Structures are given as structure tokens and as C-alpha cells.
Amino acid sequence: MSSFEESLKNTIRGLGEEYSRTVQDLVDETNAASDAVNRITNGMAQMTLSTELKASTGTDFALNLKNAKSFSEISGFFVKSNGYPIKVASSVSEARAGLWEEDLYSRDDLKSYYLSLAANPESRLALRLAFLLRQEEDQPERMS
């Protein structure tokens, strides 16, 4: 095998491993956060991660909050083809426009990002969950 071929093969393998690890971290942390949302809302809501666009440079993901009646985008993520850092925007459309809010360099940064969504009363997640729970409380009791 030529040195060119070996170098290219190693580069491609490395890109694939870093990309896969980064996406798996994003999926795992999203699932953990979704489990918490599900428990807090008694199964009424969950967070999902959807693949929006795949390209040779990376993949756009949307973080969504959904329940039986509504669907809200919470954040947009861009995972580069070589993995970390994950770029974060308030939506996928803003991510595509390059309007990044922050870069996440590790799984610990992902955990911190999700914690900030939970702890900040002005975060899109906290505001939408509070609204959803208020809407549920405001439902009139059914007459028998």
C-alpha cells in the first residue's frame, strides 16, 4: 500500500470515528435530558433530536420539544465532519446562517449546555415547558 493510500485511509477512519463519537455524545445527552423532561411532565413531553441536513462538511440537527399537541424547536446543532466542537444556535436556520451562540468542545460541555437550558428561566426550553404545564393546568375539568 502506498503512503498516500495509507494516509488517506487513516484520515478517513479518524474522521469517521470522531464524527461518530461526537454524534453519539449528542444523542446520549439528549436522551438523558429527554428522560428528565418526560419525568417532570409525567410523560406529557419529550425532547427529540432530528437530523435536518447531511453534507460532506457535517450534519445539522434540531433539538425539539414535543408533546401530543405541539412541536417547538429549542436549538440547532452543527456537528462537523471531524467531530467536536459542536456549534450551537437558537435554531437550525440560524445555524445554517452561521449565527452561532456557542461551541461545545466535549461531552462535559454538552452536559453543561443542557444544564444551562434547565437552570435558566429565560431559556427556550424552560419557557416552553412552563407554558405547556400551565396550559395543561388550565384545562377545565370534564363534567361527568
C-alpha atoms as a PDB file:
ATOM      1  CA  MET A   1       0.000   0.000   0.000  1.00  0.00           C
ATOM      2  CA  SER A   2       1.380   3.430  -0.936  1.00  0.00           C
ATOM      3  CA  SER A   3       1.982   6.074   1.729  1.00  0.00           C
ATOM      4  CA  PHE A   4      -0.686   8.233   0.047  1.00  0.00           C
ATOM      5  CA  GLU A   5      -3.241   5.432   0.252  1.00  0.00           C
ATOM      6  CA  GLU A   6      -2.364   4.601   3.842  1.00  0.00           C
ATOM      7  CA  SER A   7      -2.504   8.266   4.875  1.00  0.00           C
ATOM      8  CA  LEU A   8      -5.870   8.765   3.208  1.00  0.00           C
ATOM      9  CA  LYS A   9      -7.259   5.590   4.738  1.00  0.00           C
ATOM     10  CA  ASN A  10      -6.117   6.637   8.240  1.00  0.00           C
ATOM     11  CA  THR A  11      -7.514  10.141   7.793  1.00  0.00           C
ATOM     12  CA  ILE A  12     -10.905   8.866   6.680  1.00  0.00           C
ATOM     13  CA  ARG A  13     -11.020   6.337   9.529  1.00  0.00           C
ATOM     14  CA  GLY A  14     -10.139   9.068  12.046  1.00  0.00           C
ATOM     15  CA  LEU A  15     -12.788  11.427  10.664  1.00  0.00           C
ATOM     16  CA  GLY A  16     -15.421   8.715  10.896  1.00  0.00           C
ATOM     17  CA  GLU A  17     -14.504   7.799  14.468  1.00  0.00           C
ATOM     18  CA  GLU A  18     -14.509  11.401  15.730  1.00  0.00           C
ATOM     19  CA  TYR A  19     -17.755  12.241  13.958  1.00  0.00           C
ATOM     20  CA  SER A  20     -19.466   9.088  15.276  1.00  0.00           C
ATOM     21  CA  ARG A  21     -18.262   9.708  18.843  1.00  0.00           C
ATOM     22  CA  THR A  22     -19.467  13.310  18.763  1.00  0.00           C
ATOM     23  CA  VAL A  23     -22.891  12.388  17.385  1.00  0.00           C
ATOM     24  CA  GLN A  24     -23.231   9.581  19.937  1.00  0.00           C
ATOM     25  CA  ASP A  25     -22.420  12.015  22.756  1.00  0.00           C
ATOM     26  CA  LEU A  26     -25.075  14.404  21.424  1.00  0.00           C
ATOM     27  CA  VAL A  27     -27.648  11.602  21.199  1.00  0.00           C
ATOM     28  CA  ASP A  28     -26.821  10.250  24.669  1.00  0.00           C
ATOM     29  CA  GLU A  29     -27.011  13.649  26.382  1.00  0.00           C
ATOM     30  CA  THR A  30     -30.232  14.485  24.531  1.00  0.00           C
ATOM     31  CA  ASN A  31     -31.754  11.184  25.655  1.00  0.00           C
ATOM     32  CA  ALA A  32     -30.764  11.858  29.272  1.00  0.00           C
ATOM     33  CA  ALA A  33     -32.321  15.331  29.115  1.00  0.00           C
ATOM     34  CA  SER A  34     -35.426  13.959  27.416  1.00  0.00           C
ATOM     35  CA  ASP A  35     -35.871  11.378  30.163  1.00  0.00           C
ATOM     36  CA  ALA A  36     -35.836  14.198  32.731  1.00  0.00           C
ATOM     37  CA  VAL A  37     -38.362  16.249  30.713  1.00  0.00           C
ATOM     38  CA  ASN A  38     -40.571  13.182  30.426  1.00  0.00           C
ATOM     39  CA  ARG A  39     -40.475  12.608  34.200  1.00  0.00           C
ATOM     40  CA  ILE A  40     -41.116  16.286  35.030  1.00  0.00           C
ATOM     41  CA  THR A  41     -44.126  16.419  32.706  1.00  0.00           C
ATOM     42  CA  ASN A  42     -45.478  12.985  33.716  1.00  0.00           C
ATOM     43  CA  GLY A  43     -44.944  11.681  30.206  1.00  0.00           C
ATOM     44  CA  MET A  44     -46.606  14.637  28.528  1.00  0.00           C
ATOM     45  CA  ALA A  45     -43.493  15.937  26.704  1.00  0.00           C
ATOM     46  CA  GLN A  46     -40.156  14.790  25.420  1.00  0.00           C
ATOM     47  CA  MET A  47     -37.107  16.207  23.691  1.00  0.00           C
ATOM     48  CA  THR A  48     -36.065  14.797  20.352  1.00  0.00           C
ATOM     49  CA  LEU A  49     -33.079  15.239  18.110  1.00  0.00           C
ATOM     50  CA  SER A  50     -33.765  15.199  14.384  1.00  0.00           C
ATOM     51  CA  THR A  51     -31.293  15.127  11.521  1.00  0.00           C
ATOM     52  CA  GLU A  52     -32.026  18.115   9.307  1.00  0.00           C
ATOM     53  CA  LEU A  53     -29.275  18.140   6.684  1.00  0.00           C
ATOM     54  CA  LYS A  54     -26.296  15.909   5.982  1.00  0.00           C
ATOM     55  CA  ALA A  55     -23.385  17.219   3.911  1.00  0.00           C
ATOM     56  CA  SER A  56     -19.721  16.387   3.431  1.00  0.00           C
ATOM     57  CA  THR A  57     -18.835  19.186   5.873  1.00  0.00           C
ATOM     58  CA  GLY A  58     -21.125  17.923   8.655  1.00  0.00           C
ATOM     59  CA  THR A  59     -24.692  17.450   9.838  1.00  0.00           C
ATOM     60  CA  ASP A  60     -27.355  19.846  11.117  1.00  0.00           C
ATOM     61  CA  PHE A  61     -29.509  18.591  13.977  1.00  0.00           C
ATOM     62  CA  ALA A  62     -32.596  20.170  15.537  1.00  0.00           C
ATOM     63  CA  LEU A  63     -33.360  19.801  19.232  1.00  0.00           C
ATOM     64  CA  ASN A  64     -37.140  19.781  19.613  1.00  0.00           C
ATOM     65  CA  LEU A  65     -39.626  19.742  22.446  1.00  0.00           C
ATOM     66  CA  LYS A  66     -42.754  17.881  21.521  1.00  0.00           C
ATOM     67  CA  ASN A  67     -45.974  16.692  23.010  1.00  0.00           C
ATOM     68  CA  ALA A  68     -49.285  15.472  21.621  1.00  0.00           C
ATOM     69  CA  LYS A  69     -50.385  18.998  20.651  1.00  0.00           C
ATOM     70  CA  SER A  70     -47.247  20.932  19.747  1.00  0.00           C
ATOM     71  CA  PHE A  71     -43.727  20.831  18.465  1.00  0.00           C
ATOM     72  CA  SER A  72     -41.102  23.513  19.242  1.00  0.00           C
ATOM     73  CA  GLU A  73     -37.512  23.828  18.127  1.00  0.00           C
ATOM     74  CA  ILE A  74     -35.245  24.546  21.097  1.00  0.00           C
ATOM     75  CA  SER A  75     -31.800  24.644  19.444  1.00  0.00           C
ATOM     76  CA  GLY A  76     -29.882  23.875  16.298  1.00  0.00           C
ATOM     77  CA  PHE A  77     -26.623  21.933  16.345  1.00  0.00           C
ATOM     78  CA  PHE A  78     -23.968  21.516  13.678  1.00  0.00           C
ATOM     79  CA  VAL A  79     -21.586  18.572  14.010  1.00  0.00           C
ATOM     80  CA  LYS A  80     -18.619  18.975  11.684  1.00  0.00           C
ATOM     81  CA  SER A  81     -17.364  16.006   9.698  1.00  0.00           C
ATOM     82  CA  ASN A  82     -14.374  15.770  12.055  1.00  0.00           C
ATOM     83  CA  GLY A  83     -16.465  15.899  15.252  1.00  0.00           C
ATOM     84  CA  TYR A  84     -16.036  18.382  18.069  1.00  0.00           C
ATOM     85  CA  PRO A  85     -16.601  21.248  18.553  1.00  0.00           C
ATOM     86  CA  ILE A  86     -20.379  21.162  18.120  1.00  0.00           C
ATOM     87  CA  LYS A  87     -21.709  24.540  17.060  1.00  0.00           C
ATOM     88  CA  VAL A  88     -24.956  25.646  18.748  1.00  0.00           C
ATOM     89  CA  ALA A  89     -27.529  28.152  17.509  1.00  0.00           C
ATOM     90  CA  SER A  90     -31.059  29.027  18.566  1.00  0.00           C
ATOM     91  CA  SER A  91     -32.418  27.148  15.519  1.00  0.00           C
ATOM     92  CA  VAL A  92     -31.226  25.134  12.540  1.00  0.00           C
ATOM     93  CA  SER A  93     -31.940  28.063  10.208  1.00  0.00           C
ATOM     94  CA  GLU A  94     -29.725  30.310  12.355  1.00  0.00           C
ATOM     95  CA  ALA A  95     -27.070  27.593  12.438  1.00  0.00           C
ATOM     96  CA  ARG A  96     -27.091  27.445   8.634  1.00  0.00           C
ATOM     97  CA  ALA A  97     -26.682  31.224   8.573  1.00  0.00           C
ATOM     98  CA  GLY A  98     -23.631  30.913  10.837  1.00  0.00           C
ATOM     99  CA  LEU A  99     -25.310  32.672  13.785  1.00  0.00           C
ATOM    100  CA  TRP A 100     -23.705  30.533  16.483  1.00  0.00           C
ATOM    101  CA  GLU A 101     -24.361  31.072  20.181  1.00  0.00           C
ATOM    102  CA  GLU A 102     -21.536  28.856  21.396  1.00  0.00           C
ATOM    103  CA  ASP A 103     -19.178  25.982  20.668  1.00  0.00           C
ATOM    104  CA  LEU A 104     -19.225  22.750  22.664  1.00  0.00           C
ATOM    105  CA  TYR A 105     -15.813  21.060  22.804  1.00  0.00           C
ATOM    106  CA  SER A 106     -16.606  17.895  24.770  1.00  0.00           C
ATOM    107  CA  ARG A 107     -19.302  15.730  26.306  1.00  0.00           C
ATOM    108  CA  ASP A 108     -18.890  17.720  29.518  1.00  0.00           C
ATOM    109  CA  ASP A 109     -19.670  20.888  27.538  1.00  0.00           C
ATOM    110  CA  LEU A 110     -22.817  19.181  26.210  1.00  0.00           C
ATOM    111  CA  LYS A 111     -23.885  18.343  29.762  1.00  0.00           C
ATOM    112  CA  SER A 112     -23.241  21.947  30.794  1.00  0.00           C
ATOM    113  CA  TYR A 113     -25.247  23.221  27.830  1.00  0.00           C
ATOM    114  CA  TYR A 114     -28.260  21.079  28.765  1.00  0.00           C
ATOM    115  CA  LEU A 115     -27.901  22.113  32.408  1.00  0.00           C
ATOM    116  CA  SER A 116     -27.950  25.758  31.326  1.00  0.00           C
ATOM    117  CA  LEU A 117     -31.202  25.130  29.421  1.00  0.00           C
ATOM    118  CA  ALA A 118     -32.677  23.647  32.593  1.00  0.00           C
ATOM    119  CA  ALA A 119     -31.378  26.255  35.036  1.00  0.00           C
ATOM    120  CA  ASN A 120     -32.023  29.436  33.049  1.00  0.00           C
ATOM    121  CA  PRO A 121     -35.614  30.688  33.456  1.00  0.00           C
ATOM    122  CA  GLU A 122     -35.201  32.570  30.145  1.00  0.00           C
ATOM    123  CA  SER A 123     -34.135  29.524  28.108  1.00  0.00           C
ATOM    124  CA  ARG A 124     -36.402  28.408  25.286  1.00  0.00           C
ATOM    125  CA  LEU A 125     -36.751  25.019  26.976  1.00  0.00           C
ATOM    126  CA  ALA A 126     -37.760  26.374  30.394  1.00  0.00           C
ATOM    127  CA  LEU A 127     -40.196  28.905  28.920  1.00  0.00           C
ATOM    128  CA  ARG A 128     -41.874  26.388  26.625  1.00  0.00           C
ATOM    129  CA  LEU A 129     -42.129  23.707  29.309  1.00  0.00           C
ATOM    130  CA  ALA A 130     -43.601  26.175  31.796  1.00  0.00           C
ATOM    131  CA  PHE A 131     -46.147  27.277  29.183  1.00  0.00           C
ATOM    132  CA  LEU A 132     -47.011  23.681  28.337  1.00  0.00           C
ATOM    133  CA  LEU A 133     -47.558  22.808  32.006  1.00  0.00           C
ATOM    134  CA  ARG A 134     -49.680  25.945  32.532  1.00  0.00           C
ATOM    135  CA  GLN A 135     -51.805  25.015  29.531  1.00  0.00           C
ATOM    136  CA  GLU A 136     -52.368  21.577  30.997  1.00  0.00           C
ATOM    137  CA  GLU A 137     -53.346  23.045  34.381  1.00  0.00           C
ATOM    138  CA  ASP A 138     -55.738  25.489  32.723  1.00  0.00           C
ATOM    139  CA  GLN A 139     -57.758  22.707  31.107  1.00  0.00           C
ATOM    140  CA  PRO A 140     -61.273  22.665  32.583  1.00  0.00           C
ATOM    141  CA  GLU A 141     -62.353  19.611  34.496  1.00  0.00           C
ATOM    142  CA  ARG A 142     -64.647  17.381  32.494  1.00  0.00           C
ATOM    143  CA  MET A 143     -68.203  17.145  33.635  1.00  0.00           C
ATOM    144  CA  SER A 144     -69.437  13.603  34.184  1.00  0.00           C
END
